[in-house]
Amino acid sequence: MLWHEKGGSGKRVFLLLHGLSATSGVWSGVKQLIDQRGLGRWIAVDLPGHGRSAARADYSVGALAADMASLVRKEADLFVIGHSLGAYIALALASHWFGIAVRGVLAIGPKVTWSTEEVNSAHQLATRPVRWYTSADEVCKHYRRVSGLDERIAPEEHWLCHAVSHCAEGWRLAQDPRTFQVVGAPFSSLVASAQPPLVFARGEHDKLVTESELRIYSRQVHQIAGAGHNVHVENPAEIVSLMQTLNLED
């Protein structure tokens, strides 16, 4: 099962894709502003192996993009907004390989340079068993750490929506560890295959990607002052303003 929720009104659709280890809860502020500004409809997804969505047998950017395409195949006025891993999926969807037409992509904070050590470390994480915790407080603290959603930028619990789960064995992250299999996908080839206009954004203090790295792939790079990696949580208004630059004229 692929969990998602929808809101807004109109023919224009924004598909909102979170990053690795997060859930659709990170789009709370963005969704609210889309509604307030009357920009169109939105679809917020828990990626497979995250939040309320079911796990897959295996994970790759292409497989995740195919899952997303099934949600929006009939949408004729589609824009994809992706953060981190979600940006990779957005670029794949924009290739037209999956039988959908994407009018524009906003890619937020994608890590584009991976060392061999980083890739190997992530793939090792994918082989580890689920870690169990004895309390909700303990597992929520761990989720905040791995997602970067500390109490400074995400003080309210709705930002952590369905990121943890509970069963007889105890508490655990909802994320399937095997999702780390996606790390190391070739960013340059995804950008090269994307057909519609691309806009990149990063927080000024994002430690995972630099402005100069993004400018290798596009002149449309926006740096958002004072923000870190989760700029869509820290400053959703800036993200929504950038969304309005994606050739949104009727």
C-alpha atoms as a PDB file:
ATOM      1  CA  MET A   1       0.000   0.000   0.000  1.00  0.00           C
ATOM      2  CA  LEU A   2       1.218   3.486  -0.912  1.00  0.00           C
ATOM      3  CA  TRP A   3      -0.099   5.969   1.625  1.00  0.00           C
ATOM      4  CA  HIS A   4      -0.877   9.484   0.451  1.00  0.00           C
ATOM      5  CA  GLU A   5      -3.200  12.377   1.162  1.00  0.00           C
ATOM      6  CA  LYS A   6      -4.624  15.072  -1.086  1.00  0.00           C
ATOM      7  CA  GLY A   7      -5.824  18.627  -0.658  1.00  0.00           C
ATOM      8  CA  GLY A   8      -6.348  21.942  -2.385  1.00  0.00           C
ATOM      9  CA  SER A   9      -8.391  22.632  -5.497  1.00  0.00           C
ATOM     10  CA  GLY A  10      -7.913  23.291  -9.202  1.00  0.00           C
ATOM     11  CA  LYS A  11      -6.332  21.464 -12.130  1.00  0.00           C
ATOM     12  CA  ARG A  12      -2.720  22.199 -11.218  1.00  0.00           C
ATOM     13  CA  VAL A  13      -1.136  19.504  -9.016  1.00  0.00           C
ATOM     14  CA  PHE A  14       1.971  19.535  -6.836  1.00  0.00           C
ATOM     15  CA  LEU A  15       3.398  16.120  -5.962  1.00  0.00           C
ATOM     16  CA  LEU A  16       5.343  16.492  -2.697  1.00  0.00           C
ATOM     17  CA  LEU A  17       8.130  13.948  -2.126  1.00  0.00           C
ATOM     18  CA  HIS A  18      10.062  13.799   1.150  1.00  0.00           C
ATOM     19  CA  GLY A  19      13.640  12.685   1.710  1.00  0.00           C
ATOM     20  CA  LEU A  20      15.234   9.508   3.006  1.00  0.00           C
ATOM     21  CA  SER A  21      14.198   8.735   6.621  1.00  0.00           C
ATOM     22  CA  ALA A  22      11.401  11.359   6.672  1.00  0.00           C
ATOM     23  CA  THR A  23       7.631  11.195   6.044  1.00  0.00           C
ATOM     24  CA  SER A  24       5.026  13.370   4.364  1.00  0.00           C
ATOM     25  CA  GLY A  25       4.684  15.230   7.676  1.00  0.00           C
ATOM     26  CA  VAL A  26       7.559  17.494   6.608  1.00  0.00           C
ATOM     27  CA  TRP A  27       5.273  19.203   4.080  1.00  0.00           C
ATOM     28  CA  SER A  28       2.859  20.535   6.691  1.00  0.00           C
ATOM     29  CA  GLY A  29       3.800  24.191   6.223  1.00  0.00           C
ATOM     30  CA  VAL A  30       4.046  23.934   2.438  1.00  0.00           C
ATOM     31  CA  LYS A  31       0.593  22.349   2.157  1.00  0.00           C
ATOM     32  CA  GLN A  32      -0.937  25.072   4.305  1.00  0.00           C
ATOM     33  CA  LEU A  33       0.543  27.819   2.124  1.00  0.00           C
ATOM     34  CA  ILE A  34      -0.536  26.141  -1.122  1.00  0.00           C
ATOM     35  CA  ASP A  35      -4.071  26.205   0.228  1.00  0.00           C
ATOM     36  CA  GLN A  36      -3.839  29.778   1.507  1.00  0.00           C
ATOM     37  CA  ARG A  37      -2.487  31.096  -1.787  1.00  0.00           C
ATOM     38  CA  GLY A  38      -4.880  29.024  -3.906  1.00  0.00           C
ATOM     39  CA  LEU A  39      -2.076  27.603  -6.024  1.00  0.00           C
ATOM     40  CA  GLY A  40      -3.758  24.294  -6.845  1.00  0.00           C
ATOM     41  CA  ARG A  41      -3.989  20.771  -5.510  1.00  0.00           C
ATOM     42  CA  TRP A  42      -1.312  18.846  -3.677  1.00  0.00           C
ATOM     43  CA  ILE A  43      -0.511  15.179  -3.136  1.00  0.00           C
ATOM     44  CA  ALA A  44       1.762  14.331  -0.205  1.00  0.00           C
ATOM     45  CA  VAL A  45       3.160  10.799  -0.145  1.00  0.00           C
ATOM     46  CA  ASP A  46       4.870   8.562   2.378  1.00  0.00           C
ATOM     47  CA  LEU A  47       7.475   6.936   0.161  1.00  0.00           C
ATOM     48  CA  PRO A  48       7.532   3.120   0.190  1.00  0.00           C
ATOM     49  CA  GLY A  49       9.268   1.862   3.305  1.00  0.00           C
ATOM     50  CA  HIS A  50       8.522   5.100   5.167  1.00  0.00           C
ATOM     51  CA  GLY A  51       5.692   6.265   7.422  1.00  0.00           C
ATOM     52  CA  ARG A  52       2.387   4.580   6.637  1.00  0.00           C
ATOM     53  CA  SER A  53       3.409   3.100   3.288  1.00  0.00           C
ATOM     54  CA  ALA A  54       4.234  -0.566   2.913  1.00  0.00           C
ATOM     55  CA  ALA A  55       7.767  -1.819   2.423  1.00  0.00           C
ATOM     56  CA  ARG A  56       9.091  -3.010  -0.928  1.00  0.00           C
ATOM     57  CA  ALA A  57      11.100  -6.131  -1.663  1.00  0.00           C
ATOM     58  CA  ASP A  58      13.885  -3.835  -2.902  1.00  0.00           C
ATOM     59  CA  TYR A  59      14.495  -0.135  -3.408  1.00  0.00           C
ATOM     60  CA  SER A  60      15.860   2.005  -6.221  1.00  0.00           C
ATOM     61  CA  VAL A  61      15.131   5.488  -7.525  1.00  0.00           C
ATOM     62  CA  GLY A  62      13.522   3.971 -10.613  1.00  0.00           C
ATOM     63  CA  ALA A  63      11.270   1.654  -8.612  1.00  0.00           C
ATOM     64  CA  LEU A  64      10.157   4.506  -6.349  1.00  0.00           C
ATOM     65  CA  ALA A  65       9.501   6.737  -9.352  1.00  0.00           C
ATOM     66  CA  ALA A  66       7.325   4.038 -10.901  1.00  0.00           C
ATOM     67  CA  ASP A  67       5.316   3.863  -7.670  1.00  0.00           C
ATOM     68  CA  MET A  68       4.831   7.648  -7.722  1.00  0.00           C
ATOM     69  CA  ALA A  69       3.833   7.638 -11.382  1.00  0.00           C
ATOM     70  CA  SER A  70       0.887   5.393 -10.547  1.00  0.00           C
ATOM     71  CA  LEU A  71      -0.574   8.187  -8.407  1.00  0.00           C
ATOM     72  CA  VAL A  72      -0.403  10.959 -10.995  1.00  0.00           C
ATOM     73  CA  ARG A  73      -0.737   9.252 -14.356  1.00  0.00           C
ATOM     74  CA  LYS A  74      -3.945  11.127 -15.217  1.00  0.00           C
ATOM     75  CA  GLU A  75      -2.709  14.556 -14.127  1.00  0.00           C
ATOM     76  CA  ALA A  76      -2.115  16.914 -17.042  1.00  0.00           C
ATOM     77  CA  ASP A  77      -0.781  19.915 -15.101  1.00  0.00           C
ATOM     78  CA  LEU A  78       1.783  18.311 -12.799  1.00  0.00           C
ATOM     79  CA  PHE A  79       4.728  19.775 -10.894  1.00  0.00           C
ATOM     80  CA  VAL A  80       6.994  17.717  -8.648  1.00  0.00           C
ATOM     81  CA  ILE A  81       8.599  19.132  -5.519  1.00  0.00           C
ATOM     82  CA  GLY A  82      11.222  16.816  -4.032  1.00  0.00           C
ATOM     83  CA  HIS A  83      13.558  17.079  -1.074  1.00  0.00           C
ATOM     84  CA  SER A  84      16.836  15.125  -0.958  1.00  0.00           C
ATOM     85  CA  LEU A  85      15.885  11.579  -2.082  1.00  0.00           C
ATOM     86  CA  GLY A  86      12.591  13.061  -3.237  1.00  0.00           C
ATOM     87  CA  ALA A  87      14.552  15.313  -5.603  1.00  0.00           C
ATOM     88  CA  TYR A  88      16.120  12.246  -7.245  1.00  0.00           C
ATOM     89  CA  ILE A  89      12.674  10.720  -7.718  1.00  0.00           C
ATOM     90  CA  ALA A  90      11.352  14.019  -9.105  1.00  0.00           C
ATOM     91  CA  LEU A  91      14.108  14.082 -11.726  1.00  0.00           C
ATOM     92  CA  ALA A  92      13.373  10.487 -12.712  1.00  0.00           C
ATOM     93  CA  LEU A  93       9.678  11.298 -13.124  1.00  0.00           C
ATOM     94  CA  ALA A  94      10.602  14.289 -15.297  1.00  0.00           C
ATOM     95  CA  SER A  95      12.393  12.019 -17.776  1.00  0.00           C
ATOM     96  CA  HIS A  96       9.107  10.843 -19.365  1.00  0.00           C
ATOM     97  CA  TRP A  97      10.357   7.274 -18.841  1.00  0.00           C
ATOM     98  CA  PHE A  98       7.335   6.547 -16.653  1.00  0.00           C
ATOM     99  CA  GLY A  99       4.584   7.667 -18.998  1.00  0.00           C
ATOM    100  CA  ILE A 100       3.695  10.924 -17.244  1.00  0.00           C
ATOM    101  CA  ALA A 101       4.166  14.553 -18.264  1.00  0.00           C
ATOM    102  CA  VAL A 102       5.840  16.765 -15.655  1.00  0.00           C
ATOM    103  CA  ARG A 103       5.741  20.525 -16.294  1.00  0.00           C
ATOM    104  CA  GLY A 104       8.383  21.522 -13.769  1.00  0.00           C
ATOM    105  CA  VAL A 105      10.593  20.279 -10.934  1.00  0.00           C
ATOM    106  CA  LEU A 106      11.784  21.989  -7.770  1.00  0.00           C
ATOM    107  CA  ALA A 107      14.646  19.926  -6.314  1.00  0.00           C
ATOM    108  CA  ILE A 108      15.504  20.867  -2.729  1.00  0.00           C
ATOM    109  CA  GLY A 109      18.815  19.942  -1.123  1.00  0.00           C
ATOM    110  CA  PRO A 110      19.787  16.845  -3.133  1.00  0.00           C
ATOM    111  CA  LYS A 111      23.165  15.436  -2.138  1.00  0.00           C
ATOM    112  CA  VAL A 112      24.909  15.121  -5.478  1.00  0.00           C
ATOM    113  CA  THR A 113      28.422  13.973  -4.490  1.00  0.00           C
ATOM    114  CA  TRP A 114      28.855  10.585  -2.822  1.00  0.00           C
ATOM    115  CA  SER A 115      32.175   9.091  -1.827  1.00  0.00           C
ATOM    116  CA  THR A 116      32.710   5.351  -2.096  1.00  0.00           C
ATOM    117  CA  GLU A 117      32.881   5.222   1.695  1.00  0.00           C
ATOM    118  CA  GLU A 118      29.530   7.001   2.061  1.00  0.00           C
ATOM    119  CA  VAL A 119      27.818   4.692  -0.413  1.00  0.00           C
ATOM    120  CA  ASN A 120      29.253   1.583   1.218  1.00  0.00           C
ATOM    121  CA  SER A 121      28.228   2.815   4.664  1.00  0.00           C
ATOM    122  CA  ALA A 122      24.650   3.423   3.508  1.00  0.00           C
ATOM    123  CA  HIS A 123      24.436   0.009   1.882  1.00  0.00           C
ATOM    124  CA  GLN A 124      25.650  -1.558   5.111  1.00  0.00           C
ATOM    125  CA  LEU A 125      22.837   0.209   6.951  1.00  0.00           C
ATOM    126  CA  ALA A 126      20.430  -1.394   4.487  1.00  0.00           C
ATOM    127  CA  THR A 127      21.469  -4.844   5.711  1.00  0.00           C
ATOM    128  CA  ARG A 128      20.995  -4.174   9.411  1.00  0.00           C
ATOM    129  CA  PRO A 129      17.977  -5.518  11.291  1.00  0.00           C
ATOM    130  CA  VAL A 130      15.301  -3.238  12.687  1.00  0.00           C
ATOM    131  CA  ARG A 131      16.344  -1.559  15.925  1.00  0.00           C
ATOM    132  CA  TRP A 132      13.803  -1.682  18.752  1.00  0.00           C
ATOM    133  CA  TYR A 133      13.269   0.914  21.476  1.00  0.00           C
ATOM    134  CA  THR A 134      11.604   0.708  24.873  1.00  0.00           C
ATOM    135  CA  SER A 135       9.611   3.947  24.727  1.00  0.00           C
ATOM    136  CA  ALA A 136       8.018   6.413  22.331  1.00  0.00           C
ATOM    137  CA  ASP A 137      10.188   9.200  23.709  1.00  0.00           C
ATOM    138  CA  GLU A 138      13.382   7.266  22.999  1.00  0.00           C
ATOM    139  CA  VAL A 139      12.477   6.400  19.419  1.00  0.00           C
ATOM    140  CA  CYS A 140      11.197   9.913  18.663  1.00  0.00           C
ATOM    141  CA  LYS A 141      14.501  11.384  19.816  1.00  0.00           C
ATOM    142  CA  HIS A 142      16.300   9.004  17.476  1.00  0.00           C
ATOM    143  CA  TYR A 143      13.985   9.955  14.596  1.00  0.00           C
ATOM    144  CA  ARG A 144      14.663  13.635  15.149  1.00  0.00           C
ATOM    145  CA  ARG A 145      18.391  12.902  14.984  1.00  0.00           C
ATOM    146  CA  VAL A 146      18.362  10.832  11.779  1.00  0.00           C
ATOM    147  CA  SER A 147      15.883  13.118   9.983  1.00  0.00           C
ATOM    148  CA  GLY A 148      17.442  16.397  11.086  1.00  0.00           C
ATOM    149  CA  LEU A 149      14.109  17.553  12.517  1.00  0.00           C
ATOM    150  CA  ASP A 150      15.341  18.805  15.861  1.00  0.00           C
ATOM    151  CA  GLU A 151      13.070  20.738  18.195  1.00  0.00           C
ATOM    152  CA  ARG A 152      14.447  24.044  17.000  1.00  0.00           C
ATOM    153  CA  ILE A 153      13.100  23.703  13.460  1.00  0.00           C
ATOM    154  CA  ALA A 154      10.265  21.218  14.109  1.00  0.00           C
ATOM    155  CA  PRO A 155       8.957  21.852  17.623  1.00  0.00           C
ATOM    156  CA  GLU A 156       5.495  20.382  17.100  1.00  0.00           C
ATOM    157  CA  GLU A 157       4.732  16.686  16.824  1.00  0.00           C
ATOM    158  CA  HIS A 158       2.856  16.961  13.518  1.00  0.00           C
ATOM    159  CA  TRP A 159       6.239  17.322  11.781  1.00  0.00           C
ATOM    160  CA  LEU A 160       7.032  13.791  13.029  1.00  0.00           C
ATOM    161  CA  CYS A 161       3.747  12.328  11.778  1.00  0.00           C
ATOM    162  CA  HIS A 162       3.831   8.495  11.630  1.00  0.00           C
ATOM    163  CA  ALA A 163       7.619   8.344  11.633  1.00  0.00           C
ATOM    164  CA  VAL A 164       7.581   5.706  14.392  1.00  0.00           C
ATOM    165  CA  SER A 165       5.462   2.636  14.997  1.00  0.00           C
ATOM    166  CA  HIS A 166       4.612   0.376  17.915  1.00  0.00           C
ATOM    167  CA  CYS A 167       3.915  -3.336  18.154  1.00  0.00           C
ATOM    168  CA  ALA A 168       4.464  -6.227  20.539  1.00  0.00           C
ATOM    169  CA  GLU A 169       8.259  -6.074  20.140  1.00  0.00           C
ATOM    170  CA  GLY A 170       8.358  -2.412  21.175  1.00  0.00           C
ATOM    171  CA  TRP A 171       8.901   0.906  19.387  1.00  0.00           C
ATOM    172  CA  ARG A 172      10.780   1.324  16.101  1.00  0.00           C
ATOM    173  CA  LEU A 173      11.317   3.772  13.275  1.00  0.00           C
ATOM    174  CA  ALA A 174       8.693   3.256  10.608  1.00  0.00           C
ATOM    175  CA  GLN A 175      11.453   3.436   7.993  1.00  0.00           C
ATOM    176  CA  ASP A 176      12.524   0.136   6.463  1.00  0.00           C
ATOM    177  CA  PRO A 177      16.343  -0.022   6.831  1.00  0.00           C
ATOM    178  CA  ARG A 178      16.574  -1.436   3.309  1.00  0.00           C
ATOM    179  CA  THR A 179      15.588   1.984   1.904  1.00  0.00           C
ATOM    180  CA  PHE A 180      19.268   2.914   2.222  1.00  0.00           C
ATOM    181  CA  GLN A 181      19.783   0.811  -0.926  1.00  0.00           C
ATOM    182  CA  VAL A 182      18.901   3.942  -2.959  1.00  0.00           C
ATOM    183  CA  VAL A 183      22.026   5.854  -1.913  1.00  0.00           C
ATOM    184  CA  GLY A 184      24.511   6.484  -4.706  1.00  0.00           C
ATOM    185  CA  ALA A 185      22.146   6.793  -7.678  1.00  0.00           C
ATOM    186  CA  PRO A 186      23.763   8.707 -10.584  1.00  0.00           C
ATOM    187  CA  PHE A 187      22.552  12.303 -10.176  1.00  0.00           C
ATOM    188  CA  SER A 188      24.098  13.631 -13.389  1.00  0.00           C
ATOM    189  CA  SER A 189      22.270  11.150 -15.609  1.00  0.00           C
ATOM    190  CA  LEU A 190      18.968  11.906 -13.900  1.00  0.00           C
ATOM    191  CA  VAL A 191      19.424  15.630 -14.546  1.00  0.00           C
ATOM    192  CA  ALA A 192      20.409  14.970 -18.154  1.00  0.00           C
ATOM    193  CA  SER A 193      17.249  12.943 -18.764  1.00  0.00           C
ATOM    194  CA  ALA A 194      14.838  15.450 -17.209  1.00  0.00           C
ATOM    195  CA  GLN A 195      12.703  17.211 -19.811  1.00  0.00           C
ATOM    196  CA  PRO A 196      10.890  20.125 -18.086  1.00  0.00           C
ATOM    197  CA  PRO A 197      12.375  23.224 -16.400  1.00  0.00           C
ATOM    198  CA  LEU A 198      14.412  22.471 -13.267  1.00  0.00           C
ATOM    199  CA  VAL A 199      14.850  24.765 -10.278  1.00  0.00           C
ATOM    200  CA  PHE A 200      17.260  23.847  -7.468  1.00  0.00           C
ATOM    201  CA  ALA A 201      17.187  25.147  -3.908  1.00  0.00           C
ATOM    202  CA  ARG A 202      19.315  24.659  -0.815  1.00  0.00           C
ATOM    203  CA  GLY A 203      19.545  26.115   2.650  1.00  0.00           C
ATOM    204  CA  GLU A 204      22.498  28.398   3.264  1.00  0.00           C
ATOM    205  CA  HIS A 205      23.805  26.061   5.971  1.00  0.00           C
ATOM    206  CA  ASP A 206      23.052  22.736   4.274  1.00  0.00           C
ATOM    207  CA  LYS A 207      26.074  20.512   4.904  1.00  0.00           C
ATOM    208  CA  LEU A 208      25.076  17.867   2.331  1.00  0.00           C
ATOM    209  CA  VAL A 209      25.288  19.906  -0.854  1.00  0.00           C
ATOM    210  CA  THR A 210      26.919  23.191  -1.851  1.00  0.00           C
ATOM    211  CA  GLU A 211      25.655  25.918  -4.129  1.00  0.00           C
ATOM    212  CA  SER A 212      28.596  25.387  -6.489  1.00  0.00           C
ATOM    213  CA  GLU A 213      27.775  21.677  -6.802  1.00  0.00           C
ATOM    214  CA  LEU A 214      24.206  22.481  -7.840  1.00  0.00           C
ATOM    215  CA  ARG A 215      25.316  25.149 -10.309  1.00  0.00           C
ATOM    216  CA  ILE A 216      27.101  22.449 -12.292  1.00  0.00           C
ATOM    217  CA  TYR A 217      23.627  21.228 -13.267  1.00  0.00           C
ATOM    218  CA  SER A 218      21.586  24.433 -13.536  1.00  0.00           C
ATOM    219  CA  ARG A 219      21.807  28.209 -13.405  1.00  0.00           C
ATOM    220  CA  GLN A 220      18.468  28.187 -11.598  1.00  0.00           C
ATOM    221  CA  VAL A 221      19.876  27.669  -8.085  1.00  0.00           C
ATOM    222  CA  HIS A 222      18.382  29.495  -5.106  1.00  0.00           C
ATOM    223  CA  GLN A 223      20.094  29.668  -1.734  1.00  0.00           C
ATOM    224  CA  ILE A 224      17.764  30.321   1.197  1.00  0.00           C
ATOM    225  CA  ALA A 225      19.359  32.376   3.940  1.00  0.00           C
ATOM    226  CA  GLY A 226      19.578  31.016   7.459  1.00  0.00           C
ATOM    227  CA  ALA A 227      18.241  27.534   6.622  1.00  0.00           C
ATOM    228  CA  GLY A 228      19.830  24.106   6.752  1.00  0.00           C
ATOM    229  CA  HIS A 229      19.079  20.845   4.972  1.00  0.00           C
ATOM    230  CA  ASN A 230      15.358  20.797   5.848  1.00  0.00           C
ATOM    231  CA  VAL A 231      14.658  24.196   4.343  1.00  0.00           C
ATOM    232  CA  HIS A 232      11.071  23.212   3.424  1.00  0.00           C
ATOM    233  CA  VAL A 233      10.399  22.782   7.165  1.00  0.00           C
ATOM    234  CA  GLU A 234      12.387  25.804   8.298  1.00  0.00           C
ATOM    235  CA  ASN A 235      11.084  28.234   5.686  1.00  0.00           C
ATOM    236  CA  PRO A 236       8.085  26.843   3.773  1.00  0.00           C
ATOM    237  CA  ALA A 237       7.154  30.310   2.498  1.00  0.00           C
ATOM    238  CA  GLU A 238      10.399  30.540   0.503  1.00  0.00           C
ATOM    239  CA  ILE A 239       9.779  27.102  -0.979  1.00  0.00           C
ATOM    240  CA  VAL A 240       6.227  27.963  -2.005  1.00  0.00           C
ATOM    241  CA  SER A 241       7.445  31.204  -3.581  1.00  0.00           C
ATOM    242  CA  LEU A 242       9.950  29.192  -5.631  1.00  0.00           C
ATOM    243  CA  MET A 243       7.166  26.818  -6.642  1.00  0.00           C
ATOM    244  CA  GLN A 244       5.410  29.793  -8.166  1.00  0.00           C
ATOM    245  CA  THR A 245       8.393  30.378 -10.476  1.00  0.00           C
ATOM    246  CA  LEU A 246       7.924  27.007 -12.214  1.00  0.00           C
ATOM    247  CA  ASN A 247       6.112  28.452 -15.250  1.00  0.00           C
ATOM    248  CA  LEU A 248       2.792  28.562 -13.433  1.00  0.00           C
ATOM    249  CA  GLU A 249       1.065  31.021 -15.736  1.00  0.00           C
ATOM    250  CA  ASP A 250      -2.352  29.882 -16.919  1.00  0.00           C
END
